Amino acid sequence: MANFNGQTAVITGGAQGIGLATAKRFIEDGCEVMIWDVDEKMGLEASKELKCQFLKVDQTENDLVEEATKKTIQLMKKIDILVCSAGIAGPTFSTWDYPIEEWSKVFNVNVNGVFYCNKHVVKTMRDNGYGRIINIASIAGKEGNPNASAYSASKAAVIALTKSLGKETADHDIAVNCITPATAKTRILDQVSQEFIDYMISKIPRNRFVKVEEIASLITFLASKENSFTTA
């Protein structure tokens, strides 16, 4: 177990899935957690269950993310850890049929939203001389999944953003990393077809979905003080 006593964390999309599992793990390890989520009902339920704080945040709006960052610092005094878990899959279409409005929606959440969160939170980490950022990308960002061009391209952008920011902050005790998990069985699968789900399982060597608790374990190390070298 990591020791997060005295540390604070913001987890976007923390009301469900990978974000919720990570929030649980952090709290068990002594961290004070603030959940950011656009779903107010689920966010309040999660914060009640975990006995942590919650802010309703639409990460596609830069001003709202900046405001949430300031409010979080007022409530928790500092932000040591940021986990960007919020994201959407978008529908499954061939690239030539992919609806423009759906493409924009995926990029607004998965790329612009992650950028805004990284942008504003890393400023306070630089001021404090310490921080850990973990962005959740996907194996799709490395491999490119058929009929998921928007999701694949958006996750590739998250990987590149992470590499850039990690190199920009390497002269501080700030580590910026992303993970590229295989498919986890979360509500994001409700957005895609059964055919696509079957395809994803066929590509996984263990022939099963990854558990959100397994992903949370990896995030826990990357967010810890022990991860003092690996960045970008």
Foldseek 3Di string as FASTA:
>chain_A
DFAQAPAEEEEEVLLWFLNVLLLQVCVVNHYAYEYEYQDPVSQVVSCVVNVHHYDDADLLDLVRLLVVLVVVCVVSVAHAEYEYDDAAQFEFDAPVPRDPVRLVVRLSTLPSSVVSNCVNRVVRCVVVLHHFYEYEAAVLCVVPDGRRNSNNVSSVNVQVVFQVVQVVSVVGQYAGYYDHAQAAPICSCVRYDPVSVVVSLVPDPVSDHDYSNVVSVVVVVRGHSVVRDHHD
